[in-house]
Protein backbone atom coordinates (compact mmCIF):
# COMPACT_ATOMS: atom_id res chain seq x y z
CA MET A 1 17.95 122.02 69.56
CA PRO A 2 21.46 121.92 68.07
CA PRO A 3 23.09 118.47 67.80
CA PRO A 4 25.45 117.53 70.64
CA PRO A 5 29.15 118.13 69.96
CA PRO A 6 31.17 115.11 68.83
CA PRO A 7 33.13 113.30 71.55
CA PRO A 8 36.79 114.35 71.85
CA GLN A 9 39.29 112.31 69.91
CA LEU A 10 41.58 110.40 72.24
CA PRO A 11 45.18 109.69 71.17
CA PRO A 12 45.94 106.07 70.35
CA PRO A 13 47.27 104.09 73.31
CA GLN A 14 51.04 104.11 73.69
CA LEU A 15 52.53 100.67 73.46
CA PRO A 16 55.51 99.94 75.71
CA ARG A 17 58.82 100.37 73.92
CA PRO A 18 60.86 97.21 73.62
CA ALA A 19 63.94 97.11 75.82
CA VAL A 20 67.12 97.87 73.93
CA PRO A 21 70.16 96.02 75.23
CA ARG A 22 73.04 98.27 76.25
CA PRO A 23 76.12 97.87 74.07
CA THR A 24 79.07 96.26 75.76
CA MET A 25 82.64 97.37 75.25
CA PRO A 26 84.94 94.60 74.08
CA ARG A 27 87.63 93.64 76.52
CA ARG A 28 91.02 95.03 75.58
CA ARG A 29 93.63 92.42 75.00
CA PRO A 30 97.20 93.03 76.10
CA VAL A 31 99.40 94.42 73.34
CA PRO A 32 102.01 91.81 72.35
CA ILE A 33 105.38 93.52 71.95
CA SER A 34 108.66 91.91 70.98
CA ALA A 35 111.48 92.72 73.38
CA THR A 36 114.04 92.26 70.59
CA ALA A 37 112.65 94.78 68.11
CA PRO A 38 115.31 97.47 67.59
CA ARG A 39 113.42 100.77 67.91
CA THR A 40 109.94 99.96 69.10
CA PRO A 41 107.55 100.03 71.02
CA ILE A 42 107.24 103.68 72.13
CA ARG A 43 108.99 106.20 69.96
CA PHE A 44 108.55 109.95 69.98
CA SER A 45 110.43 111.84 67.31
CA THR A 46 110.79 115.49 66.46
CA ASP A 47 113.75 117.15 68.14
CA VAL A 48 113.51 114.46 70.83
CA SER A 49 113.58 110.77 69.89
CA VAL A 50 113.31 108.11 72.60
CA HIS A 51 112.41 104.43 72.60
CA VAL A 52 111.43 102.06 75.38
CA ARG A 53 111.26 98.27 75.25
CA ARG A 54 109.21 95.90 77.36
CA GLY A 55 110.90 94.96 80.63
CA GLU A 56 113.39 97.84 80.82
CA ALA A 57 113.51 101.06 82.81
CA VAL A 58 114.58 104.18 80.91
CA GLY A 59 115.23 107.60 82.39
CA LEU A 60 114.29 110.90 80.78
CA LEU A 61 116.41 113.42 82.64
CA GLY A 62 117.41 117.03 82.28
CA PRO A 63 117.24 120.47 83.91
CA ASN A 64 114.02 122.37 84.54
CA GLY A 65 112.44 123.55 81.31
CA ALA A 66 114.24 120.99 79.16
CA GLY A 67 110.97 119.51 77.90
CA LYS A 68 110.63 116.31 79.96
CA THR A 69 107.03 116.83 81.02
CA THR A 70 106.07 117.98 77.52
CA VAL A 71 107.39 114.71 76.10
CA PHE A 72 105.35 112.79 78.68
CA TYR A 73 102.21 114.77 77.84
CA MET A 74 102.62 114.14 74.12
CA ILE A 75 103.15 110.39 74.61
CA THR A 76 100.03 110.08 76.76
CA GLY A 77 97.95 112.40 74.57
CA LEU A 78 97.51 115.23 77.07
CA VAL A 79 99.23 117.56 74.58
CA LYS A 80 98.94 117.32 70.82
CA ALA A 81 102.22 116.90 68.96
CA ASP A 82 102.85 119.53 66.30
CA ALA A 83 105.16 117.20 64.38
CA GLY A 84 106.78 113.81 64.64
CA ARG A 85 105.26 110.45 65.57
CA ILE A 86 104.41 108.45 68.67
CA GLU A 87 104.44 104.73 67.91
CA LEU A 88 103.30 101.73 69.91
CA GLU A 89 104.54 98.42 68.51
CA GLY A 90 105.05 100.05 65.15
CA HIS A 91 101.53 101.52 65.05
CA ASP A 92 101.15 105.27 64.83
CA VAL A 93 99.08 106.45 67.82
CA THR A 94 99.81 110.15 67.30
CA PRO A 95 96.23 111.09 66.28
CA MET A 96 94.60 108.92 68.97
CA PRO A 97 92.97 110.46 72.05
CA MET A 98 94.29 109.70 75.51
CA TYR A 99 91.73 107.00 76.38
CA ARG A 100 92.55 104.95 73.27
CA ARG A 101 96.26 105.09 74.03
CA ALA A 102 95.48 103.91 77.55
CA ARG A 103 93.47 100.97 76.20
CA LEU A 104 96.39 100.03 73.96
CA GLY A 105 98.67 99.81 76.97
CA ILE A 106 100.13 103.22 77.90
CA GLY A 107 99.82 103.95 81.63
CA TYR A 108 100.70 107.26 83.27
CA LEU A 109 101.44 108.12 86.89
CA PRO A 110 101.52 111.92 87.29
CA GLN A 111 103.61 113.77 89.83
CA GLU A 112 100.53 115.04 91.66
CA ALA A 113 98.52 112.73 93.90
CA SER A 114 95.99 110.96 91.69
CA ILE A 115 94.14 108.71 94.15
CA PHE A 116 90.40 109.03 94.65
CA ARG A 117 90.55 110.72 98.04
CA GLY A 118 86.94 109.98 98.93
CA LEU A 119 87.30 106.21 98.43
CA SER A 120 88.92 103.51 100.48
CA VAL A 121 92.13 101.86 99.32
CA GLU A 122 90.42 98.78 97.89
CA ASP A 123 87.68 100.84 96.24
CA ASN A 124 90.35 102.86 94.41
CA ILE A 125 91.48 99.67 92.68
CA ARG A 126 87.98 98.32 92.19
CA ALA A 127 86.90 101.54 90.46
CA VAL A 128 89.38 100.79 87.67
CA LEU A 129 88.49 97.10 87.48
CA GLU A 130 84.82 97.99 87.00
CA VAL A 131 85.83 99.64 83.72
CA THR A 132 88.54 97.27 82.51
CA GLU A 133 87.35 93.86 83.76
CA PRO A 134 83.92 92.77 82.42
CA ASN A 135 83.75 89.72 84.69
CA ARG A 136 82.41 90.97 88.03
CA LYS A 137 83.42 87.73 89.72
CA LEU A 138 87.08 88.60 89.16
CA TRP A 139 86.94 92.06 90.77
CA ARG A 140 87.52 90.82 94.31
CA GLU A 141 90.20 88.35 93.21
CA GLU A 142 92.15 90.95 91.21
CA THR A 143 91.82 93.51 93.99
CA ASP A 144 93.17 91.04 96.55
CA LYS A 145 96.12 90.18 94.29
CA LEU A 146 97.13 93.80 93.77
CA LEU A 147 96.74 94.68 97.45
CA GLU A 148 98.95 91.74 98.38
CA GLU A 149 101.46 92.38 95.60
CA PHE A 150 102.03 95.97 96.72
CA LYS A 151 101.83 95.23 100.45
CA ILE A 152 98.84 97.44 101.25
CA THR A 153 96.40 94.73 102.35
CA HIS A 154 96.57 95.99 105.94
CA VAL A 155 95.09 99.36 104.88
CA ARG A 156 92.53 98.08 102.37
CA LYS A 157 89.58 99.50 104.35
CA SER A 158 91.32 102.76 105.24
CA PRO A 159 90.36 106.02 103.54
CA SER A 160 92.98 106.73 100.90
CA ILE A 161 93.40 110.30 102.14
CA ALA A 162 94.96 108.90 105.35
CA LEU A 163 97.82 107.07 103.59
CA SER A 164 101.48 108.00 103.95
CA GLY A 165 103.42 109.16 100.89
CA GLY A 166 104.91 105.73 100.24
CA GLU A 167 101.58 103.94 100.71
CA ARG A 168 99.90 106.41 98.37
CA ARG A 169 102.47 105.75 95.65
CA ARG A 170 102.03 101.99 96.03
CA LEU A 171 98.27 102.38 95.73
CA GLU A 172 98.62 104.58 92.64
CA ILE A 173 100.85 102.03 90.92
CA ALA A 174 98.60 99.12 91.95
CA ARG A 175 95.58 100.97 90.58
CA ALA A 176 97.42 101.72 87.33
CA LEU A 177 98.23 98.02 86.91
CA ALA A 178 94.53 97.19 87.21
CA SER A 179 94.23 98.47 83.63
CA ARG A 180 96.97 96.03 82.50
CA PRO A 181 99.38 98.51 80.87
CA ALA A 182 102.27 97.44 78.68
CA PHE A 183 104.20 100.62 79.51
CA MET A 184 104.23 102.98 82.48
CA LEU A 185 105.29 106.62 82.42
CA LEU A 186 106.33 107.74 85.90
CA ASP A 187 106.53 111.50 86.38
CA GLU A 188 108.50 112.41 89.51
CA PRO A 189 107.68 109.19 91.44
CA PHE A 190 109.98 110.24 94.33
CA ALA A 191 108.13 113.53 94.86
CA GLY A 192 106.22 113.92 98.10
CA ILE A 193 107.58 110.86 99.89
CA ASP A 194 109.89 110.62 102.88
CA PRO A 195 113.51 109.46 102.38
CA ILE A 196 112.76 106.12 104.04
CA ALA A 197 110.21 105.30 101.31
CA VAL A 198 112.64 106.03 98.44
CA GLY A 199 113.92 102.45 98.53
CA ASP A 200 110.34 101.18 98.35
CA ILE A 201 109.70 103.17 95.17
CA GLN A 202 112.92 101.90 93.61
CA ALA A 203 111.85 98.34 94.40
CA LEU A 204 108.44 99.01 92.85
CA VAL A 205 110.01 100.20 89.59
CA ARG A 206 112.17 97.08 89.45
CA HIS A 207 109.06 95.04 90.14
CA LEU A 208 107.33 96.61 87.14
CA THR A 209 110.17 95.65 84.81
CA THR A 210 110.15 92.12 86.25
CA ARG A 211 106.49 92.00 85.23
CA GLY A 212 107.60 92.76 81.66
CA ILE A 213 106.39 96.35 81.73
CA GLY A 214 108.47 99.04 80.04
CA VAL A 215 109.03 102.06 82.30
CA LEU A 216 109.89 105.61 81.27
CA ILE A 217 110.75 107.67 84.33
CA THR A 218 111.66 111.29 84.96
CA ASP A 219 112.67 112.71 88.32
CA HIS A 220 114.82 115.48 89.78
CA ASN A 221 116.26 112.94 92.21
CA VAL A 222 119.07 112.03 89.81
CA ARG A 223 121.09 109.71 92.05
CA GLU A 224 118.14 107.49 92.94
CA THR A 225 116.87 107.46 89.35
CA LEU A 226 120.23 106.47 87.85
CA GLY A 227 120.41 103.68 90.42
CA LEU A 228 117.37 101.86 89.04
CA ILE A 229 117.34 102.44 85.26
CA ASP A 230 119.00 100.52 82.43
CA ARG A 231 119.75 103.59 80.35
CA ALA A 232 118.81 107.25 80.16
CA TYR A 233 118.26 110.16 77.83
CA ILE A 234 119.54 113.55 78.88
CA ILE A 235 117.56 116.31 77.19
CA HIS A 236 118.51 119.96 77.14
CA THR A 237 116.55 122.83 75.57
CA GLY A 238 114.19 120.39 73.84
CA ALA A 239 116.78 118.10 72.25
CA VAL A 240 118.56 114.91 73.28
CA LEU A 241 122.01 115.78 74.59
CA MET A 242 123.08 112.19 75.25
CA GLU A 243 121.81 108.62 75.48
CA GLY A 244 123.62 105.91 77.43
CA ASP A 245 123.86 103.71 80.48
CA PRO A 246 124.12 105.34 83.93
CA ASP A 247 127.93 105.10 84.05
CA SER A 248 128.29 106.80 80.67
CA ILE A 249 125.89 109.54 81.74
CA VAL A 250 127.73 110.25 85.00
CA ASN A 251 131.15 110.31 83.33
CA SER A 252 130.19 112.55 80.41
CA PRO A 253 131.90 115.97 80.70
CA GLU A 254 129.13 117.63 78.68
CA VAL A 255 126.37 116.19 80.89
CA ARG A 256 128.27 117.14 84.04
CA ARG A 257 128.73 120.68 82.78
CA LEU A 258 125.12 121.27 81.73
CA TYR A 259 123.15 119.13 84.15
CA LEU A 260 124.83 117.17 86.94
């Protein structure tokens, strides 16, 4: 009789793989910026050169097609600049992607509604804190502070889709502040809100500057915008036509002819 076949070779037992700890992202520290530096902290320069300091509100105004939104997109990193530089506290951030600029302190509030429509008001804020605040124990505390600061505590459990235009804007700004920006770019903040809420938005912008945040704002509502900014740039066909305080802007014959 032939010999029996050899037993099948079994693979060696698999040992359990050791657990690998997940890397943790370091917490971003606020960017210290001197309010007395002459032409810092945000500067965009090609045919348009603007600068914004901490604690001031600056307008970027001009007719449709002048390039206002393009400047905003290049500062935030949504659009790549073909030339020139974007600087934050003297550091060139031009090659950086959008998320790195945000971590360094550049916040952006677009014209379109940017809330998480499927979340409640408080969960909109908490969603940002879960990314920016490593200490879970502080999430509730920070959420409560922002809800109280922007007077939306009474709607904290409401679905964000049910908010009025003014409440939505307050939530969007509160959520943006959860990431602790040094600067805020506000694109058409008066769009989509009723006239009664215009004063609320103006007060919110002043509140941001009181916090020491630099604000760059563009809006077609010229009268309301000039009433809350320290100075403004008027751009026309992609170049700065004039820079000055609101009174100088309003009284400029060239600005009145081409824009106002």
